Amino acid sequence: MQIAALVLSVLLAVAMLHSGVMKFVRPAWLRQFAEAVHLTTSQLTVLGSLQIAATIGLLLGIWFPPFAIAAAIGLVLYFTGAIFAHVRTGDRNMLGATVFLTFSIATSVVLFLNIRLP
């Protein structure tokens, strides 16, 4: 179980680092997604910062597991909010948010079980 927790944490951290950095770089495709859900530039900066903070938490969680659990749970909340934003604005392009939500839930569960099981 410990290897699964490590692998999921690192993969989720890499994905969040990439997604967070893209929110600072703001390529055209990302600006289109942001406009579809009515996000401003400053909101993108905040969202990217949250993803990078989660990356740090997931990586620090290798040595102190509660950080990883907190980061993964934070990402569950983040992507739940993302899905609500898509629904609220009528944007049906929520595959990425759904995949990341599922990935964050799986990581949270495995991390929690890794601490709870001897």
PDB file of N, CA and C in Angstrom:
ATOM      1  N   MET A   1       0.819  -1.190   0.000  1.00  0.00           N
ATOM      2  CA  MET A   1       0.000   0.000   0.000  1.00  0.00           C
ATOM      3  C   MET A   1       0.867   1.259   0.000  1.00  0.00           C
ATOM      4  N   GLN A   2       2.021   1.185   0.645  1.00  0.00           N
ATOM      5  CA  GLN A   2       2.891   2.346   0.729  1.00  0.00           C
ATOM      6  C   GLN A   2       3.408   2.748  -0.657  1.00  0.00           C
ATOM      7  N   ILE A   3       3.711   1.768  -1.500  1.00  0.00           N
ATOM      8  CA  ILE A   3       4.194   2.076  -2.849  1.00  0.00           C
ATOM      9  C   ILE A   3       3.081   2.735  -3.660  1.00  0.00           C
ATOM     10  N   ALA A   4       1.858   2.238  -3.537  1.00  0.00           N
ATOM     11  CA  ALA A   4       0.729   2.842  -4.256  1.00  0.00           C
ATOM     12  C   ALA A   4       0.532   4.292  -3.818  1.00  0.00           C
ATOM     13  N   ALA A   5       0.631   4.547  -2.517  1.00  0.00           N
ATOM     14  CA  ALA A   5       0.480   5.910  -2.003  1.00  0.00           C
ATOM     15  C   ALA A   5       1.569   6.820  -2.565  1.00  0.00           C
ATOM     16  N   LEU A   6       2.783   6.329  -2.605  1.00  0.00           N
ATOM     17  CA  LEU A   6       3.896   7.114  -3.137  1.00  0.00           C
ATOM     18  C   LEU A   6       3.705   7.406  -4.619  1.00  0.00           C
ATOM     19  N   VAL A   7       3.361   6.384  -5.384  1.00  0.00           N
ATOM     20  CA  VAL A   7       3.197   6.548  -6.832  1.00  0.00           C
ATOM     21  C   VAL A   7       2.046   7.516  -7.134  1.00  0.00           C
ATOM     22  N   LEU A   8       0.908   7.321  -6.487  1.00  0.00           N
ATOM     23  CA  LEU A   8      -0.226   8.217  -6.734  1.00  0.00           C
ATOM     24  C   LEU A   8       0.096   9.650  -6.336  1.00  0.00           C
ATOM     25  N   SER A   9       0.762   9.814  -5.198  1.00  0.00           N
ATOM     26  CA  SER A   9       1.120  11.166  -4.746  1.00  0.00           C
ATOM     27  C   SER A   9       2.039  11.866  -5.739  1.00  0.00           C
ATOM     28  N   VAL A  10       3.047  11.161  -6.206  1.00  0.00           N
ATOM     29  CA  VAL A  10       4.001  11.769  -7.139  1.00  0.00           C
ATOM     30  C   VAL A  10       3.328  12.067  -8.482  1.00  0.00           C
ATOM     31  N   LEU A  11       2.516  11.142  -8.982  1.00  0.00           N
ATOM     32  CA  LEU A  11       1.827  11.386 -10.262  1.00  0.00           C
ATOM     33  C   LEU A  11       0.858  12.561 -10.155  1.00  0.00           C
ATOM     34  N   LEU A  12       0.114  12.618  -9.054  1.00  0.00           N
ATOM     35  CA  LEU A  12      -0.806  13.742  -8.868  1.00  0.00           C
ATOM     36  C   LEU A  12      -0.030  15.053  -8.714  1.00  0.00           C
ATOM     37  N   ALA A  13       1.090  15.005  -8.019  1.00  0.00           N
ATOM     38  CA  ALA A  13       1.919  16.207  -7.853  1.00  0.00           C
ATOM     39  C   ALA A  13       2.428  16.713  -9.199  1.00  0.00           C
ATOM     40  N   VAL A  14       2.879  15.803 -10.044  1.00  0.00           N
ATOM     41  CA  VAL A  14       3.378  16.198 -11.375  1.00  0.00           C
ATOM     42  C   VAL A  14       2.245  16.813 -12.201  1.00  0.00           C
ATOM     43  N   ALA A  15       1.074  16.177 -12.155  1.00  0.00           N
ATOM     44  CA  ALA A  15      -0.070  16.698 -12.905  1.00  0.00           C
ATOM     45  C   ALA A  15      -0.468  18.087 -12.409  1.00  0.00           C
ATOM     46  N   MET A  16      -0.467  18.279 -11.081  1.00  0.00           N
ATOM     47  CA  MET A  16      -0.853  19.574 -10.519  1.00  0.00           C
ATOM     48  C   MET A  16       0.199  20.643 -10.785  1.00  0.00           C
ATOM     49  N   LEU A  17       1.467  20.253 -10.776  1.00  0.00           N
ATOM     50  CA  LEU A  17       2.519  21.209 -11.109  1.00  0.00           C
ATOM     51  C   LEU A  17       2.341  21.698 -12.542  1.00  0.00           C
ATOM     52  N   HIS A  18       2.107  20.773 -13.447  1.00  0.00           N
ATOM     53  CA  HIS A  18       1.903  21.151 -14.853  1.00  0.00           C
ATOM     54  C   HIS A  18       0.684  22.056 -15.004  1.00  0.00           C
ATOM     55  N   SER A  19      -0.429  21.654 -14.409  1.00  0.00           N
ATOM     56  CA  SER A  19      -1.655  22.439 -14.511  1.00  0.00           C
ATOM     57  C   SER A  19      -1.489  23.815 -13.864  1.00  0.00           C
ATOM     58  N   GLY A  20      -0.826  23.856 -12.718  1.00  0.00           N
ATOM     59  CA  GLY A  20      -0.611  25.126 -12.030  1.00  0.00           C
ATOM     60  C   GLY A  20       0.280  26.070 -12.826  1.00  0.00           C
ATOM     61  N   VAL A  21       1.352  25.534 -13.385  1.00  0.00           N
ATOM     62  CA  VAL A  21       2.264  26.364 -14.187  1.00  0.00           C
ATOM     63  C   VAL A  21       1.544  26.891 -15.423  1.00  0.00           C
ATOM     64  N   MET A  22       0.705  26.057 -16.036  1.00  0.00           N
ATOM     65  CA  MET A  22      -0.041  26.506 -17.225  1.00  0.00           C
ATOM     66  C   MET A  22      -0.962  27.678 -16.893  1.00  0.00           C
ATOM     67  N   LYS A  23      -1.444  27.744 -15.666  1.00  0.00           N
ATOM     68  CA  LYS A  23      -2.308  28.858 -15.278  1.00  0.00           C
ATOM     69  C   LYS A  23      -1.516  30.160 -15.147  1.00  0.00           C
ATOM     70  N   PHE A  24      -0.206  30.060 -15.001  1.00  0.00           N
ATOM     71  CA  PHE A  24       0.647  31.253 -15.013  1.00  0.00           C
ATOM     72  C   PHE A  24       1.102  31.583 -16.435  1.00  0.00           C
ATOM     73  N   VAL A  25       1.379  30.568 -17.233  1.00  0.00           N
ATOM     74  CA  VAL A  25       1.831  30.769 -18.613  1.00  0.00           C
ATOM     75  C   VAL A  25       0.671  31.249 -19.487  1.00  0.00           C
ATOM     76  N   ARG A  26      -0.507  30.711 -19.247  1.00  0.00           N
ATOM     77  CA  ARG A  26      -1.752  31.064 -19.933  1.00  0.00           C
ATOM     78  C   ARG A  26      -1.687  30.927 -21.453  1.00  0.00           C
ATOM     79  N   PRO A  27      -1.452  29.710 -21.947  1.00  0.00           N
ATOM     80  CA  PRO A  27      -1.513  29.523 -23.399  1.00  0.00           C
ATOM     81  C   PRO A  27      -2.942  29.748 -23.903  1.00  0.00           C
ATOM     82  N   ALA A  28      -3.090  29.895 -25.204  1.00  0.00           N
ATOM     83  CA  ALA A  28      -4.398  30.228 -25.793  1.00  0.00           C
ATOM     84  C   ALA A  28      -5.475  29.216 -25.418  1.00  0.00           C
ATOM     85  N   TRP A  29      -5.155  27.940 -25.451  1.00  0.00           N
ATOM     86  CA  TRP A  29      -6.168  26.925 -25.134  1.00  0.00           C
ATOM     87  C   TRP A  29      -6.666  27.056 -23.697  1.00  0.00           C
ATOM     88  N   LEU A  30      -5.786  27.440 -22.789  1.00  0.00           N
ATOM     89  CA  LEU A  30      -6.200  27.603 -21.392  1.00  0.00           C
ATOM     90  C   LEU A  30      -7.051  28.858 -21.222  1.00  0.00           C
ATOM     91  N   ARG A  31      -6.704  29.902 -21.943  1.00  0.00           N
ATOM     92  CA  ARG A  31      -7.508  31.127 -21.872  1.00  0.00           C
ATOM     93  C   ARG A  31      -8.926  30.866 -22.373  1.00  0.00           C
ATOM     94  N   GLN A  32      -9.057  30.011 -23.392  1.00  0.00           N
ATOM     95  CA  GLN A  32     -10.393  29.660 -23.893  1.00  0.00           C
ATOM     96  C   GLN A  32     -11.201  28.913 -22.831  1.00  0.00           C
ATOM     97  N   PHE A  33     -10.547  27.948 -22.148  1.00  0.00           N
ATOM     98  CA  PHE A  33     -11.229  27.231 -21.068  1.00  0.00           C
ATOM     99  C   PHE A  33     -11.636  28.185 -19.963  1.00  0.00           C
ATOM    100  N   ALA A  34     -10.747  29.107 -19.607  1.00  0.00           N
ATOM    101  CA  ALA A  34     -11.027  30.063 -18.532  1.00  0.00           C
ATOM    102  C   ALA A  34     -12.185  30.979 -18.905  1.00  0.00           C
ATOM    103  N   GLU A  35     -12.216  31.426 -20.138  1.00  0.00           N
ATOM    104  CA  GLU A  35     -13.302  32.298 -20.582  1.00  0.00           C
ATOM    105  C   GLU A  35     -14.637  31.564 -20.556  1.00  0.00           C
ATOM    106  N   ALA A  36     -14.626  30.276 -20.843  1.00  0.00           N
ATOM    107  CA  ALA A  36     -15.868  29.499 -20.865  1.00  0.00           C
ATOM    108  C   ALA A  36     -16.527  29.438 -19.490  1.00  0.00           C
ATOM    109  N   VAL A  37     -15.723  29.497 -18.439  1.00  0.00           N
ATOM    110  CA  VAL A  37     -16.282  29.463 -17.074  1.00  0.00           C
ATOM    111  C   VAL A  37     -16.142  30.820 -16.375  1.00  0.00           C
ATOM    112  N   HIS A  38     -15.851  31.853 -17.159  1.00  0.00           N
ATOM    113  CA  HIS A  38     -15.820  33.242 -16.682  1.00  0.00           C
ATOM    114  C   HIS A  38     -14.757  33.487 -15.613  1.00  0.00           C
ATOM    115  N   LEU A  39     -13.552  32.944 -15.819  1.00  0.00           N
ATOM    116  CA  LEU A  39     -12.448  33.182 -14.885  1.00  0.00           C
ATOM    117  C   LEU A  39     -11.622  34.373 -15.353  1.00  0.00           C
ATOM    118  N   THR A  40     -11.236  35.213 -14.407  1.00  0.00           N
ATOM    119  CA  THR A  40     -10.379  36.354 -14.711  1.00  0.00           C
ATOM    120  C   THR A  40      -8.908  35.928 -14.607  1.00  0.00           C
ATOM    121  N   THR A  41      -8.031  36.786 -15.051  1.00  0.00           N
ATOM    122  CA  THR A  41      -6.599  36.518 -14.965  1.00  0.00           C
ATOM    123  C   THR A  41      -6.155  36.359 -13.516  1.00  0.00           C
ATOM    124  N   SER A  42      -6.655  37.213 -12.648  1.00  0.00           N
ATOM    125  CA  SER A  42      -6.260  37.104 -11.236  1.00  0.00           C
ATOM    126  C   SER A  42      -6.792  35.813 -10.618  1.00  0.00           C
ATOM    127  N   GLN A  43      -7.962  35.372 -11.018  1.00  0.00           N
ATOM    128  CA  GLN A  43      -8.488  34.105 -10.519  1.00  0.00           C
ATOM    129  C   GLN A  43      -7.633  32.934 -11.005  1.00  0.00           C
ATOM    130  N   LEU A  44      -7.170  32.999 -12.246  1.00  0.00           N
ATOM    131  CA  LEU A  44      -6.274  31.956 -12.759  1.00  0.00           C
ATOM    132  C   LEU A  44      -4.992  31.902 -11.940  1.00  0.00           C
ATOM    133  N   THR A  45      -4.480  33.060 -11.556  1.00  0.00           N
ATOM    134  CA  THR A  45      -3.265  33.111 -10.747  1.00  0.00           C
ATOM    135  C   THR A  45      -3.497  32.435  -9.398  1.00  0.00           C
ATOM    136  N   VAL A  46      -4.625  32.715  -8.774  1.00  0.00           N
ATOM    137  CA  VAL A  46      -4.946  32.092  -7.485  1.00  0.00           C
ATOM    138  C   VAL A  46      -5.094  30.583  -7.656  1.00  0.00           C
ATOM    139  N   LEU A  47      -5.806  30.159  -8.672  1.00  0.00           N
ATOM    140  CA  LEU A  47      -6.015  28.724  -8.891  1.00  0.00           C
ATOM    141  C   LEU A  47      -4.692  28.010  -9.175  1.00  0.00           C
ATOM    142  N   GLY A  48      -3.837  28.638  -9.971  1.00  0.00           N
ATOM    143  CA  GLY A  48      -2.522  28.054 -10.238  1.00  0.00           C
ATOM    144  C   GLY A  48      -1.685  27.966  -8.973  1.00  0.00           C
ATOM    145  N   SER A  49      -1.769  28.988  -8.137  1.00  0.00           N
ATOM    146  CA  SER A  49      -1.035  28.977  -6.866  1.00  0.00           C
ATOM    147  C   SER A  49      -1.524  27.849  -5.964  1.00  0.00           C
ATOM    148  N   LEU A  50      -2.832  27.621  -5.940  1.00  0.00           N
ATOM    149  CA  LEU A  50      -3.375  26.522  -5.131  1.00  0.00           C
ATOM    150  C   LEU A  50      -2.876  25.167  -5.637  1.00  0.00           C
ATOM    151  N   GLN A  51      -2.800  25.014  -6.939  1.00  0.00           N
ATOM    152  CA  GLN A  51      -2.310  23.750  -7.487  1.00  0.00           C
ATOM    153  C   GLN A  51      -0.828  23.548  -7.177  1.00  0.00           C
ATOM    154  N   ILE A  52      -0.051  24.598  -7.240  1.00  0.00           N
ATOM    155  CA  ILE A  52       1.371  24.475  -6.911  1.00  0.00           C
ATOM    156  C   ILE A  52       1.544  24.208  -5.418  1.00  0.00           C
ATOM    157  N   ALA A  53       0.720  24.828  -4.589  1.00  0.00           N
ATOM    158  CA  ALA A  53       0.765  24.544  -3.148  1.00  0.00           C
ATOM    159  C   ALA A  53       0.422  23.073  -2.886  1.00  0.00           C
ATOM    160  N   ALA A  54      -0.558  22.547  -3.615  1.00  0.00           N
ATOM    161  CA  ALA A  54      -0.908  21.131  -3.470  1.00  0.00           C
ATOM    162  C   ALA A  54       0.254  20.241  -3.901  1.00  0.00           C
ATOM    163  N   THR A  55       0.955  20.649  -4.945  1.00  0.00           N
ATOM    164  CA  THR A  55       2.138  19.897  -5.389  1.00  0.00           C
ATOM    165  C   THR A  55       3.157  19.810  -4.258  1.00  0.00           C
ATOM    166  N   ILE A  56       3.414  20.934  -3.626  1.00  0.00           N
ATOM    167  CA  ILE A  56       4.381  20.965  -2.527  1.00  0.00           C
ATOM    168  C   ILE A  56       3.903  20.075  -1.381  1.00  0.00           C
ATOM    169  N   GLY A  57       2.617  20.168  -1.038  1.00  0.00           N
ATOM    170  CA  GLY A  57       2.067  19.336   0.025  1.00  0.00           C
ATOM    171  C   GLY A  57       2.171  17.851  -0.283  1.00  0.00           C
ATOM    172  N   LEU A  58       1.879  17.478  -1.517  1.00  0.00           N
ATOM    173  CA  LEU A  58       1.969  16.067  -1.902  1.00  0.00           C
ATOM    174  C   LEU A  58       3.410  15.569  -1.810  1.00  0.00           C
ATOM    175  N   LEU A  59       4.354  16.387  -2.228  1.00  0.00           N
ATOM    176  CA  LEU A  59       5.762  15.962  -2.184  1.00  0.00           C
ATOM    177  C   LEU A  59       6.304  15.946  -0.758  1.00  0.00           C
ATOM    178  N   LEU A  60       5.942  16.940   0.044  1.00  0.00           N
ATOM    179  CA  LEU A  60       6.359  16.914   1.449  1.00  0.00           C
ATOM    180  C   LEU A  60       5.718  15.745   2.186  1.00  0.00           C
ATOM    181  N   GLY A  61       4.565  15.317   1.701  1.00  0.00           N
ATOM    182  CA  GLY A  61       3.871  14.187   2.290  1.00  0.00           C
ATOM    183  C   GLY A  61       4.611  12.875   2.172  1.00  0.00           C
ATOM    184  N   ILE A  62       5.621  12.827   1.330  1.00  0.00           N
ATOM    185  CA  ILE A  62       6.459  11.623   1.252  1.00  0.00           C
ATOM    186  C   ILE A  62       7.128  11.395   2.610  1.00  0.00           C
ATOM    187  N   TRP A  63       7.510  12.481   3.275  1.00  0.00           N
ATOM    188  CA  TRP A  63       8.180  12.395   4.571  1.00  0.00           C
ATOM    189  C   TRP A  63       7.232  12.624   5.745  1.00  0.00           C
ATOM    190  N   PHE A  64       6.159  13.379   5.519  1.00  0.00           N
ATOM    191  CA  PHE A  64       5.179  13.664   6.569  1.00  0.00           C
ATOM    192  C   PHE A  64       3.787  13.480   5.969  1.00  0.00           C
ATOM    193  N   PRO A  65       3.261  12.242   6.003  1.00  0.00           N
ATOM    194  CA  PRO A  65       2.023  11.888   5.297  1.00  0.00           C
ATOM    195  C   PRO A  65       0.818  12.797   5.529  1.00  0.00           C
ATOM    196  N   PRO A  66       0.629  13.400   6.699  1.00  0.00           N
ATOM    197  CA  PRO A  66      -0.541  14.291   6.832  1.00  0.00           C
ATOM    198  C   PRO A  66      -0.553  15.449   5.824  1.00  0.00           C
ATOM    199  N   PHE A  67       0.618  15.910   5.400  1.00  0.00           N
ATOM    200  CA  PHE A  67       0.663  16.963   4.373  1.00  0.00           C
ATOM    201  C   PHE A  67       0.063  16.458   3.067  1.00  0.00           C
ATOM    202  N   ALA A  68       0.416  15.241   2.681  1.00  0.00           N
ATOM    203  CA  ALA A  68      -0.102  14.679   1.437  1.00  0.00           C
ATOM    204  C   ALA A  68      -1.608  14.480   1.519  1.00  0.00           C
ATOM    205  N   ILE A  69      -2.084  14.001   2.663  1.00  0.00           N
ATOM    206  CA  ILE A  69      -3.519  13.801   2.826  1.00  0.00           C
ATOM    207  C   ILE A  69      -4.254  15.140   2.732  1.00  0.00           C
ATOM    208  N   ALA A  70      -3.729  16.142   3.411  1.00  0.00           N
ATOM    209  CA  ALA A  70      -4.355  17.474   3.362  1.00  0.00           C
ATOM    210  C   ALA A  70      -4.357  18.025   1.939  1.00  0.00           C
ATOM    211  N   ALA A  71      -3.251  17.861   1.222  1.00  0.00           N
ATOM    212  CA  ALA A  71      -3.167  18.351  -0.154  1.00  0.00           C
ATOM    213  C   ALA A  71      -4.150  17.614  -1.061  1.00  0.00           C
ATOM    214  N   ALA A  72      -4.220  16.297  -0.910  1.00  0.00           N
ATOM    215  CA  ALA A  72      -5.129  15.509  -1.754  1.00  0.00           C
ATOM    216  C   ALA A  72      -6.584  15.866  -1.470  1.00  0.00           C
ATOM    217  N   ILE A  73      -6.928  16.038  -0.199  1.00  0.00           N
ATOM    218  CA  ILE A  73      -8.299  16.434   0.150  1.00  0.00           C
ATOM    219  C   ILE A  73      -8.586  17.848  -0.372  1.00  0.00           C
ATOM    220  N   GLY A  74      -7.599  18.718  -0.282  1.00  0.00           N
ATOM    221  CA  GLY A  74      -7.750  20.063  -0.846  1.00  0.00           C
ATOM    222  C   GLY A  74      -8.023  20.005  -2.342  1.00  0.00           C
ATOM    223  N   LEU A  75      -7.366  19.088  -3.037  1.00  0.00           N
ATOM    224  CA  LEU A  75      -7.599  18.949  -4.472  1.00  0.00           C
ATOM    225  C   LEU A  75      -8.981  18.374  -4.767  1.00  0.00           C
ATOM    226  N   VAL A  76      -9.485  17.503  -3.893  1.00  0.00           N
ATOM    227  CA  VAL A  76     -10.855  17.010  -4.060  1.00  0.00           C
ATOM    228  C   VAL A  76     -11.814  18.199  -4.008  1.00  0.00           C
ATOM    229  N   LEU A  77     -11.614  19.078  -3.042  1.00  0.00           N
ATOM    230  CA  LEU A  77     -12.463  20.266  -2.923  1.00  0.00           C
ATOM    231  C   LEU A  77     -12.277  21.197  -4.126  1.00  0.00           C
ATOM    232  N   TYR A  78     -11.039  21.375  -4.547  1.00  0.00           N
ATOM    233  CA  TYR A  78     -10.708  22.241  -5.687  1.00  0.00           C
ATOM    234  C   TYR A  78     -11.453  21.774  -6.938  1.00  0.00           C
ATOM    235  N   PHE A  79     -11.358  20.475  -7.239  1.00  0.00           N
ATOM    236  CA  PHE A  79     -11.967  19.980  -8.476  1.00  0.00           C
ATOM    237  C   PHE A  79     -13.473  19.808  -8.366  1.00  0.00           C
ATOM    238  N   THR A  80     -13.983  19.638  -7.151  1.00  0.00           N
ATOM    239  CA  THR A  80     -15.436  19.678  -6.968  1.00  0.00           C
ATOM    240  C   THR A  80     -15.932  21.080  -7.311  1.00  0.00           C
ATOM    241  N   GLY A  81     -15.208  22.082  -6.834  1.00  0.00           N
ATOM    242  CA  GLY A  81     -15.539  23.463  -7.179  1.00  0.00           C
ATOM    243  C   GLY A  81     -15.427  23.727  -8.672  1.00  0.00           C
ATOM    244  N   ALA A  82     -14.425  23.138  -9.301  1.00  0.00           N
ATOM    245  CA  ALA A  82     -14.255  23.316 -10.751  1.00  0.00           C
ATOM    246  C   ALA A  82     -15.452  22.750 -11.503  1.00  0.00           C
ATOM    247  N   ILE A  83     -15.904  21.583 -11.088  1.00  0.00           N
ATOM    248  CA  ILE A  83     -17.059  20.983 -11.756  1.00  0.00           C
ATOM    249  C   ILE A  83     -18.298  21.852 -11.547  1.00  0.00           C
ATOM    250  N   PHE A  84     -18.490  22.369 -10.328  1.00  0.00           N
ATOM    251  CA  PHE A  84     -19.610  23.271 -10.083  1.00  0.00           C
ATOM    252  C   PHE A  84     -19.516  24.522 -10.956  1.00  0.00           C
ATOM    253  N   ALA A  85     -18.306  25.039 -11.152  1.00  0.00           N
ATOM    254  CA  ALA A  85     -18.132  26.220 -12.010  1.00  0.00           C
ATOM    255  C   ALA A  85     -18.533  25.909 -13.443  1.00  0.00           C
ATOM    256  N   HIS A  86     -18.160  24.744 -13.926  1.00  0.00           N
ATOM    257  CA  HIS A  86     -18.545  24.340 -15.287  1.00  0.00           C
ATOM    258  C   HIS A  86     -20.064  24.212 -15.400  1.00  0.00           C
ATOM    259  N   VAL A  87     -20.675  23.563 -14.413  1.00  0.00           N
ATOM    260  CA  VAL A  87     -22.133  23.378 -14.434  1.00  0.00           C
ATOM    261  C   VAL A  87     -22.845  24.722 -14.354  1.00  0.00           C
ATOM    262  N   ARG A  88     -22.365  25.583 -13.456  1.00  0.00           N
ATOM    263  CA  ARG A  88     -22.985  26.905 -13.261  1.00  0.00           C
ATOM    264  C   ARG A  88     -22.999  27.720 -14.539  1.00  0.00           C
ATOM    265  N   THR A  89     -21.921  27.633 -15.306  1.00  0.00           N
ATOM    266  CA  THR A  89     -21.817  28.444 -16.525  1.00  0.00           C
ATOM    267  C   THR A  89     -22.343  27.723 -17.760  1.00  0.00           C
ATOM    268  N   GLY A  90     -22.772  26.481 -17.592  1.00  0.00           N
ATOM    269  CA  GLY A  90     -23.295  25.726 -18.728  1.00  0.00           C
ATOM    270  C   GLY A  90     -22.218  25.152 -19.634  1.00  0.00           C
ATOM    271  N   ASP A  91     -20.972  25.169 -19.183  1.00  0.00           N
ATOM    272  CA  ASP A  91     -19.870  24.614 -19.973  1.00  0.00           C
ATOM    273  C   ASP A  91     -19.825  23.105 -19.778  1.00  0.00           C
ATOM    274  N   ARG A  92     -19.914  22.365 -20.861  1.00  0.00           N
ATOM    275  CA  ARG A  92     -19.958  20.911 -20.768  1.00  0.00           C
ATOM    276  C   ARG A  92     -18.560  20.277 -20.864  1.00  0.00           C
ATOM    277  N   ASN A  93     -17.541  21.077 -21.033  1.00  0.00           N
ATOM    278  CA  ASN A  93     -16.173  20.571 -21.174  1.00  0.00           C
ATOM    279  C   ASN A  93     -15.538  20.413 -19.793  1.00  0.00           C
ATOM    280  N   MET A  94     -15.931  19.367 -19.081  1.00  0.00           N
ATOM    281  CA  MET A  94     -15.407  19.165 -17.738  1.00  0.00           C
ATOM    282  C   MET A  94     -14.698  17.830 -17.580  1.00  0.00           C
ATOM    283  N   LEU A  95     -14.229  17.280 -18.674  1.00  0.00           N
ATOM    284  CA  LEU A  95     -13.525  16.000 -18.612  1.00  0.00           C
ATOM    285  C   LEU A  95     -12.273  16.100 -17.747  1.00  0.00           C
ATOM    286  N   GLY A  96     -11.479  17.139 -17.946  1.00  0.00           N
ATOM    287  CA  GLY A  96     -10.249  17.300 -17.169  1.00  0.00           C
ATOM    288  C   GLY A  96     -10.530  17.399 -15.680  1.00  0.00           C
ATOM    289  N   ALA A  97     -11.509  18.212 -15.309  1.00  0.00           N
ATOM    290  CA  ALA A  97     -11.857  18.373 -13.895  1.00  0.00           C
ATOM    291  C   ALA A  97     -12.362  17.059 -13.314  1.00  0.00           C
ATOM    292  N   THR A  98     -13.121  16.311 -14.088  1.00  0.00           N
ATOM    293  CA  THR A  98     -13.651  15.031 -13.619  1.00  0.00           C
ATOM    294  C   THR A  98     -12.535  14.009 -13.433  1.00  0.00           C
ATOM    295  N   VAL A  99     -11.611  13.959 -14.371  1.00  0.00           N
ATOM    296  CA  VAL A  99     -10.476  13.028 -14.266  1.00  0.00           C
ATOM    297  C   VAL A  99      -9.619  13.394 -13.052  1.00  0.00           C
ATOM    298  N   PHE A 100      -9.311  14.673 -12.893  1.00  0.00           N
ATOM    299  CA  PHE A 100      -8.495  15.095 -11.752  1.00  0.00           C
ATOM    300  C   PHE A 100      -9.230  14.900 -10.427  1.00  0.00           C
ATOM    301  N   LEU A 101     -10.545  15.081 -10.415  1.00  0.00           N
ATOM    302  CA  LEU A 101     -11.308  14.825  -9.198  1.00  0.00           C
ATOM    303  C   LEU A 101     -11.216  13.349  -8.829  1.00  0.00           C
ATOM    304  N   THR A 102     -11.405  12.479  -9.796  1.00  0.00           N
ATOM    305  CA  THR A 102     -11.315  11.038  -9.553  1.00  0.00           C
ATOM    306  C   THR A 102      -9.917  10.658  -9.068  1.00  0.00           C
ATOM    307  N   PHE A 103      -8.903  11.208  -9.702  1.00  0.00           N
ATOM    308  CA  PHE A 103      -7.509  10.952  -9.341  1.00  0.00           C
ATOM    309  C   PHE A 103      -7.230  11.447  -7.917  1.00  0.00           C
ATOM    310  N   SER A 104      -7.771  12.610  -7.562  1.00  0.00           N
ATOM    311  CA  SER A 104      -7.568  13.172  -6.224  1.00  0.00           C
ATOM    312  C   SER A 104      -8.282  12.337  -5.160  1.00  0.00           C
ATOM    313  N   ILE A 105      -9.479  11.866  -5.477  1.00  0.00           N
ATOM    314  CA  ILE A 105     -10.210  11.011  -4.532  1.00  0.00           C
ATOM    315  C   ILE A 105      -9.440   9.713  -4.309  1.00  0.00           C
ATOM    316  N   ALA A 106      -8.997   9.094  -5.391  1.00  0.00           N
ATOM    317  CA  ALA A 106      -8.252   7.834  -5.270  1.00  0.00           C
ATOM    318  C   ALA A 106      -6.986   8.035  -4.442  1.00  0.00           C
ATOM    319  N   THR A 107      -6.275   9.116  -4.699  1.00  0.00           N
ATOM    320  CA  THR A 107      -5.049   9.394  -3.949  1.00  0.00           C
ATOM    321  C   THR A 107      -5.360   9.627  -2.475  1.00  0.00           C
ATOM    322  N   SER A 108      -6.413  10.376  -2.187  1.00  0.00           N
ATOM    323  CA  SER A 108      -6.804  10.627  -0.795  1.00  0.00           C
ATOM    324  C   SER A 108      -7.106   9.330  -0.064  1.00  0.00           C
ATOM    325  N   VAL A 109      -7.865   8.461  -0.707  1.00  0.00           N
ATOM    326  CA  VAL A 109      -8.248   7.188  -0.077  1.00  0.00           C
ATOM    327  C   VAL A 109      -7.023   6.329   0.189  1.00  0.00           C
ATOM    328  N   VAL A 110      -6.158   6.200  -0.807  1.00  0.00           N
ATOM    329  CA  VAL A 110      -4.965   5.365  -0.634  1.00  0.00           C
ATOM    330  C   VAL A 110      -4.045   5.947   0.436  1.00  0.00           C
ATOM    331  N   LEU A 111      -3.871   7.258   0.446  1.00  0.00           N
ATOM    332  CA  LEU A 111      -3.030   7.883   1.479  1.00  0.00           C
ATOM    333  C   LEU A 111      -3.611   7.661   2.868  1.00  0.00           C
ATOM    334  N   PHE A 112      -4.918   7.814   2.995  1.00  0.00           N
ATOM    335  CA  PHE A 112      -5.557   7.622   4.285  1.00  0.00           C
ATOM    336  C   PHE A 112      -5.426   6.156   4.735  1.00  0.00           C
ATOM    337  N   LEU A 113      -5.678   5.234   3.831  1.00  0.00           N
ATOM    338  CA  LEU A 113      -5.550   3.811   4.185  1.00  0.00           C
ATOM    339  C   LEU A 113      -4.114   3.460   4.525  1.00  0.00           C
ATOM    340  N   ASN A 114      -3.164   4.115   3.876  1.00  0.00           N
ATOM    341  CA  ASN A 114      -1.763   3.850   4.152  1.00  0.00           C
ATOM    342  C   ASN A 114      -1.389   4.225   5.588  1.00  0.00           C
ATOM    343  N   ILE A 115      -2.006   5.272   6.112  1.00  0.00           N
ATOM    344  CA  ILE A 115      -1.754   5.681   7.493  1.00  0.00           C
ATOM    345  C   ILE A 115      -2.518   4.791   8.468  1.00  0.00           C
ATOM    346  N   ARG A 116      -3.745   4.424   8.112  1.00  0.00           N
ATOM    347  CA  ARG A 116      -4.615   3.687   9.020  1.00  0.00           C
ATOM    348  C   ARG A 116      -4.259   2.216   9.128  1.00  0.00           C
ATOM    349  N   LEU A 117      -3.740   1.628   8.051  1.00  0.00           N
ATOM    350  CA  LEU A 117      -3.409   0.199   8.082  1.00  0.00           C
ATOM    351  C   LEU A 117      -1.957  -0.001   8.500  1.00  0.00           C
ATOM    352  N   PRO A 118      -1.705  -0.963   9.372  1.00  0.00           N
ATOM    353  CA  PRO A 118      -0.327  -1.190   9.820  1.00  0.00           C
ATOM    354  C   PRO A 118       0.561  -1.742   8.732  1.00  0.00           C
TER     355      PRO A 118
END
